[in-house]
Amino acid sequence: MGTIRQELALALRHFSNATTIALAVVLSTFAGVITGYYLDIKFFEGKTYPWLTILFFLFGLGGGIKNFIILTKRFTKEAEKKDGERKGTVLGTEDEQHQGDTDGQS
């Protein structure tokens, strides 16, 4: 375990990653709905309402899911890399400490 400051930084990093993923999904979907609604009203004078809104909602939802997958893979890869580096340095110091203990006992 690290210090309280390191643990807090790690928790805030995970929170910010989760917030980024959630916002990417929500904003993509919202952008699709707004675009579809605008096209329905502006170009077709509301005659096609709600069909383009529904269609672009689905496009936005698909984009949000794509963003979810991409960001999840990226953040998972970064977290595994940082955990590997952190465990490597911690294990290195523990191994050195244990070698010192066994050398003194022999």
C-alpha atoms as a PDB file:
ATOM      1  CA  MET A   1       0.000   0.000   0.000  1.00  0.00           C
ATOM      2  CA  GLY A   2       1.019   3.551  -0.557  1.00  0.00           C
ATOM      3  CA  THR A   3       0.571   6.626   1.445  1.00  0.00           C
ATOM      4  CA  ILE A   4      -2.814   8.208   1.922  1.00  0.00           C
ATOM      5  CA  ARG A   5      -1.967  10.822  -0.695  1.00  0.00           C
ATOM      6  CA  GLN A   6      -1.118   8.121  -3.270  1.00  0.00           C
ATOM      7  CA  GLU A   7      -4.286   6.169  -2.496  1.00  0.00           C
ATOM      8  CA  LEU A   8      -6.389   9.324  -2.800  1.00  0.00           C
ATOM      9  CA  ALA A   9      -4.732  10.185  -6.124  1.00  0.00           C
ATOM     10  CA  LEU A  10      -5.436   6.676  -7.403  1.00  0.00           C
ATOM     11  CA  ALA A  11      -9.084   6.864  -6.310  1.00  0.00           C
ATOM     12  CA  LEU A  12      -9.520  10.262  -7.967  1.00  0.00           C
ATOM     13  CA  ARG A  13      -7.896   8.959 -11.162  1.00  0.00           C
ATOM     14  CA  HIS A  14     -10.368   6.054 -11.266  1.00  0.00           C
ATOM     15  CA  PHE A  15     -13.247   8.436 -10.587  1.00  0.00           C
ATOM     16  CA  SER A  16     -12.159  10.760 -13.388  1.00  0.00           C
ATOM     17  CA  ASN A  17     -11.852   7.818 -15.813  1.00  0.00           C
ATOM     18  CA  ALA A  18     -15.366   6.637 -14.951  1.00  0.00           C
ATOM     19  CA  THR A  19     -16.732  10.162 -15.339  1.00  0.00           C
ATOM     20  CA  THR A  20     -15.043  10.528 -18.736  1.00  0.00           C
ATOM     21  CA  ILE A  21     -16.577   7.291 -19.978  1.00  0.00           C
ATOM     22  CA  ALA A  22     -20.056   8.201 -18.710  1.00  0.00           C
ATOM     23  CA  LEU A  23     -19.931  11.680 -20.240  1.00  0.00           C
ATOM     24  CA  ALA A  24     -18.765  10.278 -23.588  1.00  0.00           C
ATOM     25  CA  VAL A  25     -21.782   7.955 -23.760  1.00  0.00           C
ATOM     26  CA  VAL A  26     -24.325  10.524 -22.592  1.00  0.00           C
ATOM     27  CA  LEU A  27     -23.052  13.378 -24.751  1.00  0.00           C
ATOM     28  CA  SER A  28     -22.845  11.210 -27.886  1.00  0.00           C
ATOM     29  CA  THR A  29     -26.436  10.109 -27.411  1.00  0.00           C
ATOM     30  CA  PHE A  30     -27.583  13.653 -26.648  1.00  0.00           C
ATOM     31  CA  ALA A  31     -25.810  14.987 -29.757  1.00  0.00           C
ATOM     32  CA  GLY A  32     -27.599  12.377 -31.880  1.00  0.00           C
ATOM     33  CA  VAL A  33     -31.009  13.352 -30.499  1.00  0.00           C
ATOM     34  CA  ILE A  34     -30.392  17.072 -30.985  1.00  0.00           C
ATOM     35  CA  THR A  35     -29.164  16.528 -34.551  1.00  0.00           C
ATOM     36  CA  GLY A  36     -32.157  14.376 -35.456  1.00  0.00           C
ATOM     37  CA  TYR A  37     -34.599  16.837 -33.929  1.00  0.00           C
ATOM     38  CA  TYR A  38     -32.961  19.748 -35.743  1.00  0.00           C
ATOM     39  CA  LEU A  39     -33.151  17.927 -39.091  1.00  0.00           C
ATOM     40  CA  ASP A  40     -36.802  17.037 -38.493  1.00  0.00           C
ATOM     41  CA  ILE A  41     -37.803  20.593 -37.694  1.00  0.00           C
ATOM     42  CA  LYS A  42     -35.516  22.661 -39.928  1.00  0.00           C
ATOM     43  CA  PHE A  43     -35.419  20.754 -43.214  1.00  0.00           C
ATOM     44  CA  PHE A  44     -38.626  18.740 -43.150  1.00  0.00           C
ATOM     45  CA  GLU A  45     -40.747  21.232 -41.180  1.00  0.00           C
ATOM     46  CA  GLY A  46     -41.707  18.634 -38.626  1.00  0.00           C
ATOM     47  CA  LYS A  47     -43.302  16.310 -41.213  1.00  0.00           C
ATOM     48  CA  THR A  48     -40.935  13.452 -40.465  1.00  0.00           C
ATOM     49  CA  TYR A  49     -40.930  14.013 -36.701  1.00  0.00           C
ATOM     50  CA  PRO A  50     -39.960  11.719 -34.715  1.00  0.00           C
ATOM     51  CA  TRP A  51     -38.348   9.418 -37.310  1.00  0.00           C
ATOM     52  CA  LEU A  52     -35.091  11.286 -37.853  1.00  0.00           C
ATOM     53  CA  THR A  53     -34.884  11.983 -34.132  1.00  0.00           C
ATOM     54  CA  ILE A  54     -35.152   8.256 -33.416  1.00  0.00           C
ATOM     55  CA  LEU A  55     -32.695   7.367 -36.187  1.00  0.00           C
ATOM     56  CA  PHE A  56     -30.084   9.843 -34.973  1.00  0.00           C
ATOM     57  CA  PHE A  57     -30.701   8.770 -31.380  1.00  0.00           C
ATOM     58  CA  LEU A  58     -29.665   5.278 -32.443  1.00  0.00           C
ATOM     59  CA  PHE A  59     -26.603   6.673 -34.266  1.00  0.00           C
ATOM     60  CA  GLY A  60     -25.652   8.625 -31.144  1.00  0.00           C
ATOM     61  CA  LEU A  61     -26.188   5.581 -28.964  1.00  0.00           C
ATOM     62  CA  GLY A  62     -23.987   3.514 -31.271  1.00  0.00           C
ATOM     63  CA  GLY A  63     -21.295   6.192 -31.116  1.00  0.00           C
ATOM     64  CA  GLY A  64     -21.595   6.270 -27.336  1.00  0.00           C
ATOM     65  CA  ILE A  65     -21.148   2.509 -27.108  1.00  0.00           C
ATOM     66  CA  LYS A  66     -18.138   2.734 -29.424  1.00  0.00           C
ATOM     67  CA  ASN A  67     -16.646   5.466 -27.198  1.00  0.00           C
ATOM     68  CA  PHE A  68     -17.352   3.320 -24.134  1.00  0.00           C
ATOM     69  CA  ILE A  69     -15.439   0.383 -25.586  1.00  0.00           C
ATOM     70  CA  ILE A  70     -12.501   2.489 -26.789  1.00  0.00           C
ATOM     71  CA  LEU A  71     -12.125   4.430 -23.537  1.00  0.00           C
ATOM     72  CA  THR A  72     -12.539   1.331 -21.379  1.00  0.00           C
ATOM     73  CA  LYS A  73      -9.761  -0.457 -23.276  1.00  0.00           C
ATOM     74  CA  ARG A  74      -7.490   2.592 -23.073  1.00  0.00           C
ATOM     75  CA  PHE A  75      -7.987   3.159 -19.351  1.00  0.00           C
ATOM     76  CA  THR A  76      -7.644  -0.555 -18.581  1.00  0.00           C
ATOM     77  CA  LYS A  77      -4.372  -0.727 -20.490  1.00  0.00           C
ATOM     78  CA  GLU A  78      -3.051   2.379 -18.693  1.00  0.00           C
ATOM     79  CA  ALA A  79      -4.101   1.009 -15.297  1.00  0.00           C
ATOM     80  CA  GLU A  80      -2.435  -2.356 -15.943  1.00  0.00           C
ATOM     81  CA  LYS A  81       0.748  -0.615 -17.058  1.00  0.00           C
ATOM     82  CA  LYS A  82       0.843   1.578 -13.939  1.00  0.00           C
ATOM     83  CA  ASP A  83       0.036  -1.374 -11.654  1.00  0.00           C
ATOM     84  CA  GLY A  84       2.827  -3.377 -13.252  1.00  0.00           C
ATOM     85  CA  GLU A  85       5.299  -0.555 -12.768  1.00  0.00           C
ATOM     86  CA  ARG A  86       4.159   0.016  -9.197  1.00  0.00           C
ATOM     87  CA  LYS A  87       4.311  -3.687  -8.273  1.00  0.00           C
ATOM     88  CA  GLY A  88       7.699  -4.038  -9.936  1.00  0.00           C
ATOM     89  CA  THR A  89       9.216  -1.278  -7.849  1.00  0.00           C
ATOM     90  CA  VAL A  90       7.560  -2.466  -4.646  1.00  0.00           C
ATOM     91  CA  LEU A  91       8.624  -6.082  -5.215  1.00  0.00           C
ATOM     92  CA  GLY A  92      12.154  -4.974  -5.989  1.00  0.00           C
ATOM     93  CA  THR A  93      12.488  -3.216  -2.660  1.00  0.00           C
ATOM     94  CA  GLU A  94      10.882  -6.089  -0.744  1.00  0.00           C
ATOM     95  CA  ASP A  95      13.206  -8.611  -2.386  1.00  0.00           C
ATOM     96  CA  GLU A  96      16.204  -6.526  -1.433  1.00  0.00           C
ATOM     97  CA  GLN A  97      14.951  -6.324   2.147  1.00  0.00           C
ATOM     98  CA  HIS A  98      14.400 -10.090   2.353  1.00  0.00           C
ATOM     99  CA  GLN A  99      17.849 -10.801   0.890  1.00  0.00           C
ATOM    100  CA  GLY A 100      19.365  -8.609   3.569  1.00  0.00           C
ATOM    101  CA  ASP A 101      17.475 -10.542   6.247  1.00  0.00           C
ATOM    102  CA  THR A 102      18.600 -13.959   4.976  1.00  0.00           C
ATOM    103  CA  ASP A 103      22.191 -12.839   4.488  1.00  0.00           C
ATOM    104  CA  GLY A 104      22.411 -11.748   8.088  1.00  0.00           C
ATOM    105  CA  GLN A 105      20.991 -15.046   9.346  1.00  0.00           C
ATOM    106  CA  SER A 106      23.377 -17.325   7.423  1.00  0.00           C
END
